[in-house]
């Protein structure tokens, strides 16, 4: 029995999830424009027509991939960081890879792709705008919960801090894609300062 036959017999929800997982690998390793549904089908182990049974277009599959990347990050934050997400959970030592919410820059990679494609695409603009607002509001709510719990000083602006958190993700994406933009020590210094600002009273 071939892997494609096995894939074809999966329940619809599982097949859809497998296609999204494959799309995340393809989109995450490249760009929206260069990623093809043929390549995603190959990674998923299905035929290209099967993809179009679940997603009417590559853009709809990208939307589903964006939602899944955010679901995964949100779950990591809720599990590991509790109610107060920060840029990173601890400063990385020299030569160490960054850890914490942005240790995997997949979601901000997709943001950059979306902004690149959204120039004349109102549907892409609207979807990405609503998505980024959802991420912001989740982080801001976490900051406010931290303030209520006494772990974040009450004089911090939760909404502004949430935007800074998102900016940290974009910086992480730039550093990952450009190479050599930020060394481990530089990123660790940013992490230390953000943690200090969010935990110390001034």
N, C-alpha and C. Protein backbone atom coordinates (compact mmCIF):
# COMPACT_ATOMS: atom_id res chain seq x y z
N UNK A 1 0.86 -1.21 0.00
CA UNK A 1 0.00 0.00 0.00
C UNK A 1 0.89 1.25 0.00
N UNK A 2 0.66 2.17 -0.90
CA UNK A 2 1.47 3.37 -0.98
C UNK A 2 1.06 4.37 0.08
N UNK A 3 1.99 5.29 0.38
CA UNK A 3 1.67 6.33 1.36
C UNK A 3 0.53 7.19 0.87
N UNK A 4 0.44 7.38 -0.47
CA UNK A 4 -0.64 8.21 -1.01
C UNK A 4 -1.99 7.52 -0.79
N UNK A 5 -2.04 6.18 -0.96
CA UNK A 5 -3.28 5.46 -0.71
C UNK A 5 -3.65 5.54 0.75
N UNK A 6 -2.66 5.41 1.63
CA UNK A 6 -2.93 5.51 3.06
C UNK A 6 -3.47 6.88 3.40
N UNK A 7 -2.85 7.91 2.78
CA UNK A 7 -3.30 9.27 3.04
C UNK A 7 -4.73 9.46 2.57
N UNK A 8 -5.09 8.85 1.41
CA UNK A 8 -6.42 9.04 0.85
C UNK A 8 -7.49 8.43 1.75
N UNK A 9 -7.13 7.47 2.58
CA UNK A 9 -8.11 6.83 3.44
C UNK A 9 -8.23 7.49 4.81
N UNK A 10 -7.45 8.53 5.03
CA UNK A 10 -7.58 9.24 6.30
C UNK A 10 -8.94 9.93 6.38
N UNK A 11 -9.50 10.07 7.59
CA UNK A 11 -10.69 10.90 7.74
C UNK A 11 -10.41 12.31 7.25
N UNK A 12 -11.44 12.99 6.80
CA UNK A 12 -11.27 14.31 6.17
C UNK A 12 -10.52 15.29 7.08
N UNK A 13 -10.87 15.32 8.37
CA UNK A 13 -10.22 16.27 9.28
C UNK A 13 -8.73 15.97 9.43
N UNK A 14 -8.38 14.69 9.50
CA UNK A 14 -6.97 14.32 9.63
C UNK A 14 -6.21 14.62 8.34
N UNK A 15 -6.85 14.38 7.21
CA UNK A 15 -6.21 14.67 5.93
C UNK A 15 -5.95 16.16 5.80
N UNK A 16 -6.95 16.95 6.19
CA UNK A 16 -6.79 18.40 6.13
C UNK A 16 -5.65 18.86 7.02
N UNK A 17 -5.56 18.30 8.23
CA UNK A 17 -4.49 18.67 9.16
C UNK A 17 -3.13 18.29 8.59
N UNK A 18 -3.05 17.13 7.93
CA UNK A 18 -1.79 16.70 7.33
C UNK A 18 -1.37 17.63 6.20
N UNK A 19 -2.33 18.11 5.44
CA UNK A 19 -2.02 19.04 4.35
C UNK A 19 -1.51 20.36 4.93
N UNK A 20 -2.15 20.85 5.98
CA UNK A 20 -1.71 22.09 6.61
C UNK A 20 -0.30 21.93 7.19
N UNK A 21 -0.03 20.79 7.81
CA UNK A 21 1.30 20.54 8.36
C UNK A 21 2.36 20.57 7.26
N UNK A 22 2.03 19.98 6.11
CA UNK A 22 2.95 20.00 4.98
C UNK A 22 3.12 21.42 4.45
N UNK A 23 2.02 22.17 4.39
CA UNK A 23 2.08 23.55 3.92
C UNK A 23 2.96 24.41 4.82
N UNK A 24 2.89 24.18 6.13
CA UNK A 24 3.73 24.93 7.06
C UNK A 24 5.20 24.67 6.78
N UNK A 25 5.55 23.44 6.47
CA UNK A 25 6.94 23.12 6.15
C UNK A 25 7.39 23.84 4.89
N UNK A 26 6.54 23.82 3.88
CA UNK A 26 6.91 24.41 2.59
C UNK A 26 6.94 25.94 2.69
N UNK A 27 5.87 26.54 3.22
CA UNK A 27 5.84 28.00 3.36
C UNK A 27 6.96 28.46 4.29
N UNK A 28 7.16 27.74 5.39
CA UNK A 28 8.16 28.15 6.37
C UNK A 28 9.57 28.11 5.84
N UNK A 29 9.84 27.24 4.88
CA UNK A 29 11.19 27.10 4.34
C UNK A 29 11.46 28.02 3.15
N UNK A 30 10.40 28.64 2.63
CA UNK A 30 10.58 29.46 1.45
C UNK A 30 9.79 30.74 1.49
N UNK A 31 9.03 30.98 0.45
CA UNK A 31 8.21 32.18 0.36
C UNK A 31 6.83 31.79 -0.16
N UNK A 32 5.89 32.69 0.00
CA UNK A 32 4.54 32.42 -0.52
C UNK A 32 4.57 32.27 -2.03
N UNK A 33 5.25 33.19 -2.70
CA UNK A 33 5.23 33.20 -4.16
C UNK A 33 5.86 31.94 -4.75
N UNK A 34 6.96 31.49 -4.17
CA UNK A 34 7.67 30.34 -4.73
C UNK A 34 7.10 29.00 -4.27
N UNK A 35 6.33 29.00 -3.21
CA UNK A 35 5.73 27.75 -2.73
C UNK A 35 4.57 27.37 -3.65
N UNK A 36 4.49 26.10 -4.01
CA UNK A 36 3.44 25.65 -4.91
C UNK A 36 2.60 24.57 -4.24
N UNK A 37 1.37 24.46 -4.70
CA UNK A 37 0.53 23.39 -4.17
C UNK A 37 1.05 22.02 -4.60
N UNK A 38 1.77 21.98 -5.72
CA UNK A 38 2.38 20.71 -6.16
C UNK A 38 3.43 20.25 -5.15
N UNK A 39 4.25 21.19 -4.67
CA UNK A 39 5.27 20.84 -3.68
C UNK A 39 4.63 20.47 -2.35
N UNK A 40 3.60 21.19 -1.96
CA UNK A 40 2.89 20.88 -0.71
C UNK A 40 2.26 19.49 -0.81
N UNK A 41 1.69 19.17 -1.96
CA UNK A 41 1.10 17.85 -2.15
C UNK A 41 2.17 16.77 -2.03
N UNK A 42 3.35 17.01 -2.61
CA UNK A 42 4.44 16.03 -2.52
C UNK A 42 4.84 15.80 -1.07
N UNK A 43 4.99 16.88 -0.30
CA UNK A 43 5.38 16.75 1.11
C UNK A 43 4.29 16.05 1.90
N UNK A 44 3.03 16.33 1.57
CA UNK A 44 1.91 15.71 2.28
C UNK A 44 1.67 14.27 1.86
N UNK A 45 2.24 13.86 0.73
CA UNK A 45 2.03 12.51 0.24
C UNK A 45 0.67 12.29 -0.38
N UNK A 46 0.14 13.34 -1.00
CA UNK A 46 -1.16 13.25 -1.66
C UNK A 46 -1.03 13.80 -3.07
N UNK A 47 -2.06 13.62 -3.86
CA UNK A 47 -2.09 14.23 -5.18
C UNK A 47 -2.55 15.68 -5.05
N UNK A 48 -2.17 16.50 -6.00
CA UNK A 48 -2.53 17.92 -5.93
C UNK A 48 -4.05 18.13 -5.93
N UNK A 49 -4.84 17.36 -6.69
CA UNK A 49 -6.30 17.55 -6.63
C UNK A 49 -6.88 17.35 -5.23
N UNK A 50 -6.25 16.50 -4.42
CA UNK A 50 -6.76 16.30 -3.05
C UNK A 50 -6.64 17.59 -2.25
N UNK A 51 -5.57 18.33 -2.47
CA UNK A 51 -5.42 19.62 -1.77
C UNK A 51 -6.60 20.52 -2.11
N UNK A 52 -6.98 20.56 -3.38
CA UNK A 52 -8.06 21.46 -3.79
C UNK A 52 -9.44 20.97 -3.37
N UNK A 53 -9.53 19.75 -2.89
CA UNK A 53 -10.79 19.30 -2.30
C UNK A 53 -10.99 19.96 -0.93
N UNK A 54 -9.89 20.32 -0.29
CA UNK A 54 -9.97 20.90 1.06
C UNK A 54 -9.76 22.42 1.06
N UNK A 55 -9.02 22.92 0.09
CA UNK A 55 -8.71 24.34 0.03
C UNK A 55 -8.90 24.83 -1.40
N UNK A 56 -9.77 25.82 -1.60
CA UNK A 56 -10.07 26.26 -2.96
C UNK A 56 -8.90 26.97 -3.66
N UNK A 57 -7.90 27.41 -2.89
CA UNK A 57 -6.77 28.12 -3.48
C UNK A 57 -5.56 28.02 -2.57
N UNK A 58 -4.39 28.36 -3.13
CA UNK A 58 -3.17 28.40 -2.31
C UNK A 58 -3.31 29.43 -1.19
N UNK A 59 -4.00 30.52 -1.49
CA UNK A 59 -4.17 31.56 -0.47
C UNK A 59 -4.98 31.05 0.71
N UNK A 60 -6.04 30.30 0.44
CA UNK A 60 -6.83 29.73 1.54
C UNK A 60 -6.01 28.74 2.36
N UNK A 61 -5.13 28.01 1.70
CA UNK A 61 -4.25 27.10 2.43
C UNK A 61 -3.25 27.88 3.26
N UNK A 62 -2.77 29.01 2.74
CA UNK A 62 -1.87 29.87 3.52
C UNK A 62 -2.59 30.42 4.74
N UNK A 63 -3.84 30.83 4.59
CA UNK A 63 -4.61 31.31 5.73
C UNK A 63 -4.69 30.23 6.81
N UNK A 64 -4.98 29.00 6.39
CA UNK A 64 -5.07 27.89 7.35
C UNK A 64 -3.73 27.64 8.01
N UNK A 65 -2.65 27.80 7.26
CA UNK A 65 -1.31 27.61 7.81
C UNK A 65 -0.99 28.70 8.83
N UNK A 66 -1.38 29.92 8.53
CA UNK A 66 -1.18 31.03 9.47
C UNK A 66 -1.92 30.76 10.77
N UNK A 67 -3.16 30.32 10.67
CA UNK A 67 -3.96 30.02 11.86
C UNK A 67 -3.33 28.89 12.67
N UNK A 68 -2.81 27.88 11.99
CA UNK A 68 -2.20 26.76 12.70
C UNK A 68 -0.89 27.16 13.37
N UNK A 69 -0.09 27.99 12.70
CA UNK A 69 1.15 28.47 13.31
C UNK A 69 0.85 29.27 14.58
N UNK A 70 -0.20 30.08 14.54
CA UNK A 70 -0.59 30.85 15.71
C UNK A 70 -1.13 29.93 16.81
N UNK A 71 -1.92 28.93 16.44
CA UNK A 71 -2.43 27.99 17.43
C UNK A 71 -1.29 27.29 18.16
N UNK A 72 -0.26 26.90 17.43
CA UNK A 72 0.88 26.22 18.04
C UNK A 72 1.65 27.15 18.97
N UNK A 73 1.88 28.39 18.54
CA UNK A 73 2.60 29.34 19.39
C UNK A 73 1.79 29.66 20.65
N UNK A 74 0.50 29.90 20.48
CA UNK A 74 -0.35 30.21 21.63
C UNK A 74 -0.33 29.07 22.64
N UNK A 75 -0.36 27.84 22.17
CA UNK A 75 -0.32 26.69 23.07
C UNK A 75 1.00 26.63 23.82
N UNK A 76 2.12 26.95 23.13
CA UNK A 76 3.42 26.95 23.81
C UNK A 76 3.47 28.03 24.88
N UNK A 77 2.94 29.21 24.56
CA UNK A 77 2.94 30.30 25.54
C UNK A 77 2.10 29.92 26.75
N UNK A 78 0.92 29.41 26.51
CA UNK A 78 0.02 29.06 27.62
C UNK A 78 0.61 27.95 28.47
N UNK A 79 1.30 27.00 27.84
CA UNK A 79 1.86 25.87 28.58
C UNK A 79 3.13 26.25 29.34
N UNK A 80 4.01 27.01 28.69
CA UNK A 80 5.33 27.25 29.27
C UNK A 80 5.45 28.58 30.00
N UNK A 81 4.75 29.58 29.51
CA UNK A 81 4.94 30.92 30.05
C UNK A 81 3.77 31.40 30.90
N UNK A 82 2.72 30.62 30.95
CA UNK A 82 1.60 31.02 31.79
C UNK A 82 0.92 32.26 31.26
N UNK A 83 0.54 33.11 32.17
CA UNK A 83 -0.31 34.23 31.79
C UNK A 83 0.46 35.43 31.28
N UNK A 84 1.78 35.42 31.38
CA UNK A 84 2.55 36.59 31.00
C UNK A 84 3.60 36.24 29.96
N UNK A 85 3.25 36.26 28.68
CA UNK A 85 4.25 35.97 27.65
C UNK A 85 5.29 37.07 27.58
N UNK A 86 6.53 36.70 27.41
CA UNK A 86 7.61 37.66 27.22
C UNK A 86 8.37 37.27 25.97
N UNK A 87 9.35 38.08 25.59
CA UNK A 87 10.06 37.81 24.35
C UNK A 87 10.79 36.48 24.41
N UNK A 88 11.30 36.09 25.53
CA UNK A 88 12.07 34.86 25.65
C UNK A 88 12.04 34.43 27.10
N UNK A 89 12.26 33.14 27.35
CA UNK A 89 12.14 32.68 28.73
C UNK A 89 13.43 32.80 29.51
N UNK A 90 14.56 32.91 28.83
CA UNK A 90 15.81 33.17 29.52
C UNK A 90 16.83 33.63 28.51
N UNK A 91 17.83 34.36 28.97
CA UNK A 91 18.83 34.86 28.06
C UNK A 91 19.68 33.71 27.54
N UNK A 92 19.90 33.70 26.25
CA UNK A 92 20.73 32.66 25.66
C UNK A 92 22.19 32.99 25.85
N UNK A 93 22.98 32.00 26.14
CA UNK A 93 24.41 32.20 26.27
C UNK A 93 25.05 32.36 24.91
N UNK A 94 26.32 32.68 24.90
CA UNK A 94 27.03 32.88 23.65
C UNK A 94 26.95 31.62 22.79
N UNK A 95 26.52 31.80 21.56
CA UNK A 95 26.45 30.69 20.63
C UNK A 95 25.19 29.86 20.75
N UNK A 96 24.37 30.13 21.75
CA UNK A 96 23.15 29.33 21.94
C UNK A 96 22.03 29.88 21.06
N UNK A 97 21.13 29.01 20.66
CA UNK A 97 19.97 29.45 19.90
C UNK A 97 18.96 30.10 20.83
N UNK A 98 18.27 31.17 20.38
CA UNK A 98 17.26 31.81 21.22
C UNK A 98 16.18 30.81 21.60
N UNK A 99 15.68 30.95 22.84
CA UNK A 99 14.61 30.08 23.30
C UNK A 99 13.41 30.91 23.69
N UNK A 100 12.27 30.27 23.88
CA UNK A 100 11.08 31.00 24.28
C UNK A 100 10.09 31.12 23.15
N UNK A 101 9.12 32.03 23.26
CA UNK A 101 8.07 32.13 22.25
C UNK A 101 8.58 32.30 20.83
N UNK A 102 9.69 33.02 20.64
CA UNK A 102 10.20 33.25 19.29
C UNK A 102 11.37 32.35 18.94
N UNK A 103 11.57 31.26 19.70
CA UNK A 103 12.64 30.33 19.34
C UNK A 103 12.37 29.72 17.96
N UNK A 104 11.10 29.57 17.63
CA UNK A 104 10.71 29.14 16.29
C UNK A 104 10.06 30.34 15.61
N UNK A 105 10.73 30.93 14.61
CA UNK A 105 10.19 32.15 13.99
C UNK A 105 9.18 31.90 12.88
N UNK A 106 8.56 30.72 12.86
CA UNK A 106 7.64 30.38 11.77
C UNK A 106 6.53 31.40 11.62
N UNK A 107 5.86 31.76 12.72
CA UNK A 107 4.74 32.68 12.61
C UNK A 107 5.17 34.03 12.04
N UNK A 108 6.22 34.68 12.58
CA UNK A 108 6.62 35.95 11.96
C UNK A 108 7.13 35.78 10.53
N UNK A 109 7.69 34.61 10.17
CA UNK A 109 8.03 34.38 8.77
C UNK A 109 6.78 34.51 7.90
N UNK A 110 5.68 33.92 8.38
CA UNK A 110 4.43 34.00 7.62
C UNK A 110 3.90 35.42 7.59
N UNK A 111 4.09 36.18 8.67
CA UNK A 111 3.67 37.59 8.66
C UNK A 111 4.37 38.34 7.53
N UNK A 112 5.68 38.14 7.44
CA UNK A 112 6.45 38.83 6.41
C UNK A 112 5.95 38.43 5.02
N UNK A 113 5.68 37.15 4.83
CA UNK A 113 5.13 36.69 3.55
C UNK A 113 3.80 37.39 3.26
N UNK A 114 2.94 37.45 4.27
CA UNK A 114 1.63 38.05 4.08
C UNK A 114 1.71 39.51 3.72
N UNK A 115 2.59 40.25 4.40
CA UNK A 115 2.75 41.68 4.10
C UNK A 115 3.27 41.85 2.67
N UNK A 116 4.18 40.98 2.26
CA UNK A 116 4.73 41.05 0.91
C UNK A 116 3.64 40.85 -0.14
N UNK A 117 2.72 39.94 0.12
CA UNK A 117 1.67 39.62 -0.84
C UNK A 117 0.46 40.52 -0.75
N UNK A 118 0.34 41.28 0.35
CA UNK A 118 -0.91 41.99 0.63
C UNK A 118 -1.05 43.32 -0.08
N UNK A 119 -0.03 43.74 -0.81
CA UNK A 119 -0.05 45.07 -1.42
C UNK A 119 -1.36 45.43 -2.10
N UNK A 120 -1.79 44.61 -3.05
CA UNK A 120 -3.01 44.90 -3.80
C UNK A 120 -4.10 43.87 -3.54
N UNK A 121 -3.92 43.06 -2.52
CA UNK A 121 -4.87 41.98 -2.22
C UNK A 121 -5.65 42.35 -0.96
N UNK A 122 -6.83 42.87 -1.13
CA UNK A 122 -7.61 43.34 0.02
C UNK A 122 -8.00 42.19 0.94
N UNK A 123 -8.24 41.01 0.37
CA UNK A 123 -8.58 39.86 1.20
C UNK A 123 -7.40 39.47 2.09
N UNK A 124 -6.21 39.46 1.52
CA UNK A 124 -5.02 39.15 2.30
C UNK A 124 -4.80 40.21 3.37
N UNK A 125 -4.98 41.47 3.03
CA UNK A 125 -4.83 42.56 3.98
C UNK A 125 -5.78 42.37 5.16
N UNK A 126 -7.04 42.11 4.86
CA UNK A 126 -8.06 41.99 5.91
C UNK A 126 -7.77 40.80 6.81
N UNK A 127 -7.41 39.68 6.22
CA UNK A 127 -7.16 38.47 7.02
C UNK A 127 -5.96 38.68 7.92
N UNK A 128 -4.88 39.22 7.37
CA UNK A 128 -3.67 39.42 8.15
C UNK A 128 -3.89 40.46 9.23
N UNK A 129 -4.64 41.51 8.92
CA UNK A 129 -4.93 42.55 9.90
C UNK A 129 -5.70 41.98 11.08
N UNK A 130 -6.72 41.17 10.81
CA UNK A 130 -7.50 40.56 11.89
C UNK A 130 -6.66 39.58 12.69
N UNK A 131 -5.80 38.83 12.01
CA UNK A 131 -4.95 37.86 12.68
C UNK A 131 -3.97 38.56 13.64
N UNK A 132 -3.28 39.58 13.13
CA UNK A 132 -2.30 40.28 13.97
C UNK A 132 -2.98 40.93 15.16
N UNK A 133 -4.17 41.47 14.96
CA UNK A 133 -4.92 42.05 16.08
C UNK A 133 -5.25 40.99 17.11
N UNK A 134 -5.60 39.78 16.66
CA UNK A 134 -5.90 38.69 17.60
C UNK A 134 -4.67 38.34 18.43
N UNK A 135 -3.50 38.26 17.79
CA UNK A 135 -2.27 37.96 18.52
C UNK A 135 -1.99 39.06 19.53
N UNK A 136 -2.10 40.30 19.09
CA UNK A 136 -1.87 41.43 19.99
C UNK A 136 -2.79 41.37 21.20
N UNK A 137 -4.07 41.15 20.96
CA UNK A 137 -5.03 41.16 22.06
C UNK A 137 -4.78 40.03 23.04
N UNK A 138 -4.34 38.88 22.53
CA UNK A 138 -3.99 37.77 23.42
C UNK A 138 -2.82 38.14 24.31
N UNK A 139 -1.78 38.71 23.73
CA UNK A 139 -0.60 39.08 24.51
C UNK A 139 -0.94 40.19 25.50
N UNK A 140 -1.71 41.19 25.06
CA UNK A 140 -2.09 42.28 25.96
C UNK A 140 -2.90 41.76 27.14
N UNK A 141 -3.80 40.81 26.88
CA UNK A 141 -4.58 40.21 27.96
C UNK A 141 -3.66 39.48 28.94
N UNK A 142 -2.64 38.81 28.42
CA UNK A 142 -1.68 38.15 29.28
C UNK A 142 -0.91 39.14 30.15
N UNK A 143 -0.54 40.26 29.56
CA UNK A 143 0.14 41.30 30.33
C UNK A 143 -0.76 41.83 31.45
N UNK A 144 -2.02 42.06 31.12
CA UNK A 144 -2.94 42.57 32.14
C UNK A 144 -3.16 41.54 33.25
N UNK A 145 -3.22 40.27 32.86
CA UNK A 145 -3.35 39.22 33.87
C UNK A 145 -2.12 39.20 34.77
N UNK A 146 -0.95 39.41 34.17
CA UNK A 146 0.27 39.47 34.96
C UNK A 146 0.26 40.66 35.91
N UNK A 147 -0.28 41.77 35.46
CA UNK A 147 -0.40 42.93 36.35
C UNK A 147 -1.34 42.63 37.51
N UNK A 148 -2.45 41.97 37.22
CA UNK A 148 -3.41 41.63 38.27
C UNK A 148 -2.80 40.65 39.28
N UNK A 149 -1.90 39.78 38.77
CA UNK A 149 -1.27 38.79 39.64
C UNK A 149 -0.04 39.34 40.37
N UNK A 150 0.36 40.55 40.01
CA UNK A 150 1.51 41.16 40.66
C UNK A 150 2.85 40.80 40.07
N UNK A 151 2.87 40.14 38.90
CA UNK A 151 4.14 39.76 38.28
C UNK A 151 4.63 40.77 37.24
N UNK A 152 3.75 41.68 36.82
CA UNK A 152 4.11 42.74 35.90
C UNK A 152 3.70 44.06 36.54
N UNK A 153 4.61 45.04 36.62
CA UNK A 153 4.27 46.32 37.23
C UNK A 153 3.04 46.95 36.58
N UNK A 154 2.20 47.55 37.38
CA UNK A 154 0.94 48.09 36.88
C UNK A 154 1.11 49.35 36.04
N UNK A 155 2.30 49.98 36.09
CA UNK A 155 2.49 51.18 35.29
C UNK A 155 2.92 50.88 33.86
N UNK A 156 3.04 49.59 33.50
CA UNK A 156 3.38 49.24 32.12
C UNK A 156 2.11 49.30 31.26
N UNK A 157 2.26 49.75 30.04
CA UNK A 157 1.15 49.84 29.10
C UNK A 157 1.01 48.49 28.40
N UNK A 158 0.00 47.71 28.76
CA UNK A 158 -0.15 46.35 28.24
C UNK A 158 -0.30 46.32 26.73
N UNK A 159 -1.06 47.28 26.17
CA UNK A 159 -1.24 47.29 24.72
C UNK A 159 0.06 47.60 24.00
N UNK A 160 0.81 48.58 24.51
CA UNK A 160 2.09 48.91 23.89
C UNK A 160 3.07 47.75 24.02
N UNK A 161 3.08 47.10 25.19
CA UNK A 161 3.98 45.96 25.38
C UNK A 161 3.64 44.82 24.43
N UNK A 162 2.36 44.64 24.14
CA UNK A 162 1.97 43.58 23.21
C UNK A 162 2.50 43.87 21.81
N UNK A 163 2.46 45.14 21.40
CA UNK A 163 3.03 45.47 20.08
C UNK A 163 4.53 45.25 20.07
N UNK A 164 5.19 45.56 21.17
CA UNK A 164 6.64 45.33 21.25
C UNK A 164 6.94 43.83 21.16
N UNK A 165 6.09 43.03 21.77
CA UNK A 165 6.25 41.57 21.68
C UNK A 165 6.18 41.11 20.23
N UNK A 166 5.20 41.62 19.47
CA UNK A 166 5.09 41.26 18.07
C UNK A 166 6.30 41.74 17.28
N UNK A 167 6.78 42.94 17.61
CA UNK A 167 7.97 43.46 16.93
C UNK A 167 9.17 42.57 17.19
N UNK A 168 9.25 41.99 18.39
CA UNK A 168 10.33 41.06 18.69
C UNK A 168 10.29 39.84 17.78
N UNK A 169 9.09 39.38 17.46
CA UNK A 169 8.96 38.26 16.54
C UNK A 169 9.45 38.61 15.15
N UNK A 170 9.13 39.82 14.69
CA UNK A 170 9.59 40.24 13.38
C UNK A 170 11.11 40.38 13.35
N UNK A 171 11.68 40.91 14.42
CA UNK A 171 13.14 41.00 14.51
C UNK A 171 13.77 39.63 14.46
N UNK A 172 13.16 38.68 15.16
CA UNK A 172 13.66 37.30 15.15
C UNK A 172 13.60 36.73 13.73
N UNK A 173 12.54 37.03 13.00
CA UNK A 173 12.41 36.55 11.63
C UNK A 173 13.47 37.18 10.73
N UNK A 174 13.66 38.48 10.86
CA UNK A 174 14.69 39.15 10.05
C UNK A 174 16.06 38.54 10.31
N UNK A 175 16.38 38.34 11.60
CA UNK A 175 17.68 37.78 11.96
C UNK A 175 17.85 36.38 11.38
N UNK A 176 16.77 35.59 11.41
CA UNK A 176 16.84 34.23 10.91
C UNK A 176 17.01 34.20 9.39
N UNK A 177 16.27 35.04 8.69
CA UNK A 177 16.30 35.01 7.23
C UNK A 177 17.52 35.71 6.65
N UNK A 178 18.00 36.77 7.30
CA UNK A 178 19.12 37.51 6.74
C UNK A 178 20.47 36.92 7.12
N UNK A 179 20.54 36.31 8.30
CA UNK A 179 21.79 35.72 8.74
C UNK A 179 22.81 36.79 9.11
N UNK A 180 23.37 36.69 10.31
CA UNK A 180 24.40 37.63 10.74
C UNK A 180 23.90 38.98 11.20
N UNK A 181 22.57 39.19 11.18
CA UNK A 181 22.03 40.48 11.61
C UNK A 181 22.20 40.67 13.10
N UNK A 182 21.90 39.64 13.88
CA UNK A 182 22.03 39.69 15.34
C UNK A 182 22.79 38.46 15.81
N UNK A 183 23.80 38.69 16.63
CA UNK A 183 24.49 37.58 17.26
C UNK A 183 23.73 37.11 18.48
N UNK A 184 24.09 35.94 19.01
CA UNK A 184 23.40 35.41 20.19
C UNK A 184 23.50 36.38 21.36
N UNK A 185 24.65 37.03 21.52
CA UNK A 185 24.82 37.97 22.62
C UNK A 185 23.92 39.17 22.50
N UNK A 186 23.74 39.66 21.27
CA UNK A 186 22.88 40.82 21.05
C UNK A 186 21.42 40.47 21.34
N UNK A 187 20.99 39.32 20.87
CA UNK A 187 19.61 38.91 21.13
C UNK A 187 19.41 38.68 22.62
N UNK A 188 20.40 38.09 23.28
CA UNK A 188 20.30 37.86 24.72
C UNK A 188 20.18 39.17 25.48
N UNK A 189 20.89 40.21 25.01
CA UNK A 189 20.81 41.52 25.67
C UNK A 189 19.42 42.11 25.53
N UNK A 190 18.81 41.95 24.36
CA UNK A 190 17.43 42.42 24.16
C UNK A 190 16.50 41.70 25.10
N UNK A 191 16.67 40.38 25.20
CA UNK A 191 15.84 39.57 26.08
C UNK A 191 15.96 40.04 27.53
N UNK A 192 17.19 40.24 27.98
CA UNK A 192 17.40 40.68 29.38
C UNK A 192 16.71 42.00 29.66
N UNK A 193 16.83 42.94 28.72
CA UNK A 193 16.22 44.25 28.94
C UNK A 193 14.71 44.18 28.95
N UNK A 194 14.14 43.34 28.07
CA UNK A 194 12.69 43.21 28.07
C UNK A 194 12.21 42.57 29.37
N UNK A 195 12.90 41.56 29.82
CA UNK A 195 12.52 40.89 31.07
C UNK A 195 12.64 41.85 32.24
N UNK A 196 13.72 42.62 32.25
CA UNK A 196 13.93 43.57 33.35
C UNK A 196 12.81 44.61 33.36
N UNK A 197 12.48 45.13 32.19
CA UNK A 197 11.44 46.16 32.10
C UNK A 197 10.09 45.62 32.55
N UNK A 198 9.82 44.36 32.23
CA UNK A 198 8.51 43.79 32.55
C UNK A 198 8.44 43.23 33.96
N UNK A 199 9.53 43.24 34.69
CA UNK A 199 9.50 42.67 36.03
C UNK A 199 9.91 43.63 37.14
N UNK A 200 10.70 44.64 36.79
CA UNK A 200 11.18 45.57 37.82
C UNK A 200 10.32 46.81 37.90
N UNK A 201 10.12 47.29 39.09
CA UNK A 201 9.38 48.54 39.30
C UNK A 201 10.36 49.70 39.14
N UNK A 202 9.88 50.77 38.54
CA UNK A 202 10.72 51.95 38.31
C UNK A 202 10.07 53.17 38.93
